[in-house]
N, C-alpha and C. Protein backbone atom coordinates (compact mmCIF):
# COMPACT_ATOMS: atom_id res chain seq x y z
N MET A 1 190.93 98.00 86.75
CA MET A 1 191.90 97.92 85.68
C MET A 1 193.13 97.12 86.12
N ALA A 2 193.46 97.23 87.39
CA ALA A 2 194.62 96.48 87.91
C ALA A 2 194.38 94.98 87.81
N ALA A 3 193.11 94.57 87.97
CA ALA A 3 192.78 93.14 87.87
C ALA A 3 193.04 92.64 86.46
N PHE A 4 192.72 93.45 85.46
CA PHE A 4 192.97 93.04 84.08
C PHE A 4 194.47 92.98 83.80
N ASN A 5 195.20 93.96 84.31
CA ASN A 5 196.65 93.96 84.10
C ASN A 5 197.28 92.71 84.71
N SER A 6 196.85 92.36 85.92
CA SER A 6 197.35 91.17 86.58
C SER A 6 197.02 89.92 85.76
N PHE A 7 195.80 89.87 85.25
CA PHE A 7 195.39 88.72 84.44
C PHE A 7 196.25 88.61 83.19
N PHE A 8 196.47 89.72 82.51
CA PHE A 8 197.22 89.67 81.26
C PHE A 8 198.70 89.33 81.49
N VAL A 9 199.25 89.72 82.62
CA VAL A 9 200.62 89.32 82.95
C VAL A 9 200.65 87.80 83.17
N LYS A 10 199.68 87.28 83.92
CA LYS A 10 199.62 85.84 84.16
C LYS A 10 199.39 85.08 82.85
N LEU A 11 198.52 85.62 82.00
CA LEU A 11 198.26 84.97 80.71
C LEU A 11 199.51 84.98 79.84
N PHE A 12 200.25 86.08 79.87
CA PHE A 12 201.49 86.17 79.10
C PHE A 12 202.50 85.12 79.57
N LEU A 13 202.68 85.00 80.87
CA LEU A 13 203.63 84.03 81.42
C LEU A 13 203.18 82.60 81.13
N PHE A 14 201.89 82.35 81.29
CA PHE A 14 201.35 81.02 81.00
C PHE A 14 201.52 80.69 79.52
N SER A 15 201.30 81.68 78.66
CA SER A 15 201.42 81.46 77.22
C SER A 15 202.87 81.22 76.80
N ILE A 16 203.81 81.82 77.50
CA ILE A 16 205.22 81.52 77.22
C ILE A 16 205.49 80.04 77.54
N GLY A 17 204.93 79.57 78.65
CA GLY A 17 205.07 78.15 79.00
C GLY A 17 204.43 77.23 77.97
N THR A 18 203.24 77.59 77.50
CA THR A 18 202.59 76.76 76.49
C THR A 18 203.32 76.85 75.15
N ALA A 19 203.95 77.99 74.88
CA ALA A 19 204.75 78.11 73.65
C ALA A 19 205.95 77.15 73.73
N GLY A 20 206.53 77.04 74.92
CA GLY A 20 207.61 76.07 75.11
C GLY A 20 207.14 74.65 74.86
N LEU A 21 205.95 74.33 75.37
CA LEU A 21 205.38 73.00 75.12
C LEU A 21 205.12 72.79 73.63
N LEU A 22 204.66 73.83 72.96
CA LEU A 22 204.42 73.73 71.52
C LEU A 22 205.72 73.50 70.75
N LEU A 23 206.77 74.18 71.17
CA LEU A 23 208.08 73.96 70.54
C LEU A 23 208.56 72.53 70.75
N LEU A 24 208.41 72.02 71.97
CA LEU A 24 208.78 70.63 72.26
C LEU A 24 207.94 69.66 71.43
N TRP A 25 206.66 69.97 71.31
CA TRP A 25 205.74 69.15 70.52
C TRP A 25 206.23 69.07 69.07
N GLN A 26 206.56 70.24 68.51
CA GLN A 26 207.01 70.27 67.12
C GLN A 26 208.36 69.58 66.93
N GLN A 27 209.18 69.64 67.94
CA GLN A 27 210.52 69.05 67.84
C GLN A 27 210.51 67.53 68.01
N TYR A 28 209.72 67.04 68.95
CA TYR A 28 209.84 65.64 69.34
C TYR A 28 208.66 64.75 68.99
N ALA A 29 207.53 65.32 68.66
CA ALA A 29 206.37 64.48 68.34
C ALA A 29 206.54 63.83 66.98
N SER A 30 205.95 62.71 66.83
CA SER A 30 205.98 61.99 65.56
C SER A 30 205.34 62.86 64.47
N PRO A 31 205.79 62.75 63.24
CA PRO A 31 205.19 63.55 62.15
C PRO A 31 203.69 63.33 62.03
N ARG A 32 203.24 62.20 62.45
CA ARG A 32 201.80 61.89 62.43
C ARG A 32 201.01 62.81 63.36
N PHE A 33 201.66 63.31 64.41
CA PHE A 33 201.01 64.18 65.39
C PHE A 33 201.34 65.65 65.19
N GLN A 34 201.94 65.99 64.06
CA GLN A 34 202.30 67.37 63.77
C GLN A 34 201.16 68.09 63.05
N THR A 35 201.16 69.41 63.16
CA THR A 35 200.23 70.24 62.41
C THR A 35 200.94 71.51 61.99
N ASP A 36 200.58 72.00 60.82
CA ASP A 36 201.21 73.20 60.30
C ASP A 36 200.69 74.48 60.95
N ILE A 37 199.54 74.39 61.58
CA ILE A 37 198.94 75.61 62.12
C ILE A 37 198.93 75.64 63.64
N GLY A 38 199.92 75.01 64.24
CA GLY A 38 200.01 74.97 65.70
C GLY A 38 200.09 76.35 66.33
N TRP A 39 200.84 77.25 65.73
CA TRP A 39 200.98 78.59 66.30
C TRP A 39 199.70 79.40 66.15
N ILE A 40 198.96 79.16 65.09
CA ILE A 40 197.67 79.84 64.92
C ILE A 40 196.69 79.37 65.99
N VAL A 41 196.68 78.09 66.24
CA VAL A 41 195.81 77.53 67.29
C VAL A 41 196.21 78.11 68.64
N TRP A 42 197.49 78.21 68.89
CA TRP A 42 198.00 78.78 70.15
C TRP A 42 197.52 80.23 70.31
N LEU A 43 197.67 81.04 69.27
CA LEU A 43 197.20 82.43 69.32
C LEU A 43 195.69 82.51 69.48
N PHE A 44 194.97 81.61 68.85
CA PHE A 44 193.52 81.54 68.98
C PHE A 44 193.11 81.33 70.44
N PHE A 45 193.78 80.42 71.13
CA PHE A 45 193.44 80.16 72.53
C PHE A 45 193.78 81.35 73.42
N ILE A 46 194.86 82.04 73.14
CA ILE A 46 195.20 83.24 73.91
C ILE A 46 194.11 84.29 73.74
N PHE A 47 193.69 84.52 72.51
CA PHE A 47 192.66 85.51 72.22
C PHE A 47 191.33 85.15 72.87
N VAL A 48 190.89 83.91 72.72
CA VAL A 48 189.60 83.48 73.27
C VAL A 48 189.62 83.55 74.79
N THR A 49 190.70 83.12 75.41
CA THR A 49 190.81 83.17 76.87
C THR A 49 190.74 84.61 77.37
N SER A 50 191.42 85.52 76.69
CA SER A 50 191.38 86.94 77.07
C SER A 50 189.97 87.49 76.94
N LEU A 51 189.33 87.22 75.82
CA LEU A 51 187.99 87.73 75.57
C LEU A 51 186.99 87.22 76.60
N ILE A 52 187.03 85.94 76.87
CA ILE A 52 186.09 85.36 77.83
C ILE A 52 186.32 85.91 79.23
N HIS A 53 187.58 86.08 79.62
CA HIS A 53 187.87 86.62 80.94
C HIS A 53 187.31 88.05 81.07
N ILE A 54 187.52 88.86 80.07
CA ILE A 54 187.01 90.24 80.11
C ILE A 54 185.50 90.25 80.21
N ILE A 55 184.82 89.44 79.41
CA ILE A 55 183.35 89.39 79.44
C ILE A 55 182.85 88.94 80.80
N LEU A 56 183.48 87.92 81.37
CA LEU A 56 183.00 87.39 82.65
C LEU A 56 183.25 88.36 83.80
N VAL A 57 184.38 89.02 83.81
CA VAL A 57 184.65 89.98 84.88
C VAL A 57 183.70 91.18 84.78
N LYS A 58 183.45 91.64 83.58
CA LYS A 58 182.49 92.75 83.38
C LYS A 58 181.09 92.33 83.82
N ALA A 59 180.70 91.10 83.51
CA ALA A 59 179.38 90.61 83.91
C ALA A 59 179.29 90.51 85.42
N ALA A 60 180.34 90.07 86.07
CA ALA A 60 180.34 89.92 87.53
C ALA A 60 180.27 91.27 88.23
N GLU A 61 180.82 92.30 87.60
CA GLU A 61 180.76 93.64 88.20
C GLU A 61 179.33 94.14 88.28
N SER A 62 178.50 93.75 87.32
CA SER A 62 177.12 94.21 87.33
C SER A 62 176.25 93.37 88.27
N SER A 63 176.47 92.04 88.28
CA SER A 63 175.65 91.18 89.15
C SER A 63 176.24 89.77 89.21
N PRO A 64 176.33 89.20 90.41
CA PRO A 64 176.83 87.82 90.52
C PRO A 64 175.95 86.82 89.78
N ARG A 65 174.67 87.07 89.75
CA ARG A 65 173.75 86.18 89.04
C ARG A 65 174.03 86.22 87.53
N LYS A 66 174.35 87.41 87.05
CA LYS A 66 174.67 87.58 85.64
C LYS A 66 175.96 86.83 85.30
N PHE A 67 176.91 86.85 86.23
CA PHE A 67 178.17 86.13 86.01
C PHE A 67 177.90 84.66 85.80
N LEU A 68 177.09 84.06 86.65
CA LEU A 68 176.81 82.64 86.55
C LEU A 68 176.15 82.30 85.22
N THR A 69 175.20 83.11 84.81
CA THR A 69 174.54 82.89 83.53
C THR A 69 175.53 83.01 82.38
N TYR A 70 176.35 84.05 82.40
CA TYR A 70 177.34 84.25 81.35
C TYR A 70 178.36 83.12 81.33
N PHE A 71 178.81 82.69 82.50
CA PHE A 71 179.81 81.63 82.58
C PHE A 71 179.28 80.35 81.95
N MET A 72 178.07 79.96 82.33
CA MET A 72 177.48 78.73 81.79
C MET A 72 177.25 78.86 80.29
N ALA A 73 176.73 79.99 79.85
CA ALA A 73 176.47 80.19 78.43
C ALA A 73 177.76 80.20 77.62
N LEU A 74 178.76 80.93 78.08
CA LEU A 74 180.03 81.00 77.35
C LEU A 74 180.74 79.66 77.31
N THR A 75 180.66 78.91 78.40
CA THR A 75 181.28 77.59 78.42
C THR A 75 180.62 76.67 77.39
N GLY A 76 179.31 76.71 77.34
CA GLY A 76 178.59 75.88 76.36
C GLY A 76 178.88 76.30 74.93
N VAL A 77 178.83 77.60 74.66
CA VAL A 77 179.09 78.11 73.32
C VAL A 77 180.54 77.81 72.91
N LYS A 78 181.46 78.00 73.85
CA LYS A 78 182.87 77.74 73.57
C LYS A 78 183.09 76.27 73.23
N LEU A 79 182.54 75.38 74.02
CA LEU A 79 182.72 73.95 73.77
C LEU A 79 182.11 73.56 72.43
N PHE A 80 180.91 74.03 72.14
CA PHE A 80 180.25 73.72 70.87
C PHE A 80 181.04 74.30 69.70
N GLY A 81 181.51 75.53 69.84
CA GLY A 81 182.30 76.17 68.80
C GLY A 81 183.60 75.43 68.54
N TYR A 82 184.26 74.99 69.60
CA TYR A 82 185.51 74.24 69.45
C TYR A 82 185.26 72.91 68.73
N LEU A 83 184.16 72.26 69.06
CA LEU A 83 183.84 71.00 68.39
C LEU A 83 183.59 71.23 66.90
N ILE A 84 182.95 72.33 66.56
CA ILE A 84 182.71 72.65 65.14
C ILE A 84 184.04 72.90 64.43
N ILE A 85 184.95 73.63 65.07
CA ILE A 85 186.26 73.90 64.47
C ILE A 85 187.01 72.59 64.22
N ILE A 86 187.01 71.71 65.21
CA ILE A 86 187.69 70.42 65.07
C ILE A 86 187.07 69.60 63.94
N LEU A 87 185.75 69.58 63.89
CA LEU A 87 185.06 68.81 62.87
C LEU A 87 185.34 69.34 61.47
N ILE A 88 185.28 70.65 61.30
CA ILE A 88 185.54 71.25 59.99
C ILE A 88 186.97 70.96 59.54
N TYR A 89 187.92 71.15 60.44
CA TYR A 89 189.32 70.88 60.08
C TYR A 89 189.52 69.41 59.72
N ALA A 90 188.92 68.53 60.51
CA ALA A 90 189.08 67.09 60.26
C ALA A 90 188.46 66.69 58.92
N LEU A 91 187.39 67.33 58.55
CA LEU A 91 186.76 67.01 57.26
C LEU A 91 187.55 67.58 56.09
N LEU A 92 188.15 68.75 56.27
CA LEU A 92 188.89 69.38 55.18
C LEU A 92 190.28 68.80 54.99
N LYS A 93 190.93 68.42 56.07
CA LYS A 93 192.31 67.90 56.00
C LYS A 93 192.41 66.59 56.79
N ARG A 94 191.89 65.56 56.23
CA ARG A 94 191.86 64.27 56.93
C ARG A 94 193.25 63.76 57.30
N GLU A 95 194.23 63.97 56.43
CA GLU A 95 195.58 63.44 56.68
C GLU A 95 196.28 64.16 57.83
N ALA A 96 195.92 65.41 58.11
CA ALA A 96 196.55 66.18 59.17
C ALA A 96 195.66 66.32 60.40
N ALA A 97 194.52 65.67 60.39
CA ALA A 97 193.53 65.87 61.45
C ALA A 97 194.00 65.38 62.81
N LEU A 98 194.71 64.28 62.85
CA LEU A 98 195.11 63.72 64.14
C LEU A 98 196.01 64.67 64.92
N GLY A 99 197.01 65.24 64.27
CA GLY A 99 197.89 66.19 64.94
C GLY A 99 197.16 67.43 65.40
N PHE A 100 196.27 67.93 64.55
CA PHE A 100 195.50 69.12 64.90
C PHE A 100 194.61 68.86 66.10
N VAL A 101 193.89 67.77 66.07
CA VAL A 101 192.96 67.44 67.16
C VAL A 101 193.71 67.25 68.47
N MET A 102 194.83 66.56 68.42
CA MET A 102 195.62 66.33 69.65
C MET A 102 196.10 67.66 70.23
N LEU A 103 196.70 68.49 69.39
CA LEU A 103 197.19 69.78 69.86
C LEU A 103 196.05 70.65 70.36
N PHE A 104 194.95 70.68 69.63
CA PHE A 104 193.80 71.50 70.01
C PHE A 104 193.28 71.08 71.38
N LEU A 105 193.15 69.78 71.61
CA LEU A 105 192.63 69.31 72.89
C LEU A 105 193.60 69.59 74.04
N VAL A 106 194.89 69.43 73.80
CA VAL A 106 195.87 69.74 74.85
C VAL A 106 195.76 71.22 75.22
N LEU A 107 195.74 72.09 74.22
CA LEU A 107 195.63 73.53 74.49
C LEU A 107 194.29 73.88 75.12
N TYR A 108 193.23 73.20 74.69
CA TYR A 108 191.91 73.43 75.28
C TYR A 108 191.94 73.14 76.78
N PHE A 109 192.47 72.00 77.16
CA PHE A 109 192.50 71.65 78.58
C PHE A 109 193.41 72.60 79.37
N LEU A 110 194.56 72.93 78.82
CA LEU A 110 195.47 73.84 79.52
C LEU A 110 194.86 75.22 79.72
N TYR A 111 194.32 75.80 78.66
CA TYR A 111 193.76 77.15 78.76
C TYR A 111 192.45 77.18 79.53
N SER A 112 191.67 76.10 79.48
CA SER A 112 190.45 76.05 80.30
C SER A 112 190.80 75.99 81.78
N ALA A 113 191.79 75.18 82.13
CA ALA A 113 192.22 75.11 83.52
C ALA A 113 192.76 76.47 83.97
N PHE A 114 193.56 77.11 83.13
CA PHE A 114 194.08 78.44 83.46
C PHE A 114 192.94 79.43 83.68
N GLU A 115 191.95 79.39 82.80
CA GLU A 115 190.81 80.31 82.90
C GLU A 115 190.05 80.12 84.21
N VAL A 116 189.76 78.89 84.56
CA VAL A 116 189.01 78.61 85.78
C VAL A 116 189.82 78.99 87.02
N ILE A 117 191.08 78.66 87.03
CA ILE A 117 191.93 78.99 88.20
C ILE A 117 192.04 80.49 88.38
N THR A 118 192.25 81.24 87.31
CA THR A 118 192.36 82.70 87.45
C THR A 118 191.03 83.32 87.84
N LEU A 119 189.93 82.78 87.37
CA LEU A 119 188.62 83.31 87.78
C LEU A 119 188.36 83.01 89.26
N LEU A 120 188.72 81.81 89.72
CA LEU A 120 188.56 81.49 91.14
C LEU A 120 189.39 82.41 92.02
N LYS A 121 190.63 82.65 91.62
CA LYS A 121 191.49 83.55 92.40
C LYS A 121 190.97 84.98 92.37
N HIS A 122 190.45 85.40 91.22
CA HIS A 122 189.93 86.76 91.08
C HIS A 122 188.72 86.98 92.00
N PHE A 123 187.81 86.00 92.03
CA PHE A 123 186.58 86.17 92.81
C PHE A 123 186.75 85.75 94.27
N LYS A 124 187.86 85.14 94.62
CA LYS A 124 188.12 84.80 96.00
C LYS A 124 188.34 86.06 96.82
N LYS A 125 188.86 87.09 96.15
CA LYS A 125 189.10 88.36 96.84
C LYS A 125 187.77 88.91 97.24
């Protein structure tokens, strides 16, 4: 349980940093790169990162082989799901698609890097 608490504290601090980046994005980015649902996307990434971390740590507790299978499967499903979200949004709101896609990809790379780094540190112990 302490491992989860440590993860959630790190995720909270990291998310405060990404919220600052989101505020800067909204303040200084060109209107062409703006999106109305930036905060929803931000909350979505926090939720998905938390869920995936919990699933992977639980899988690793049962078997290291299971962890590897879950990690590869979740990474593939996550990437495919994110592409579907981007595609649907781009088709529904063509005029706002550029800002959404840019923000989504920035948050995707930031939260994916955070996820991998925290998992490496967790399993290094």
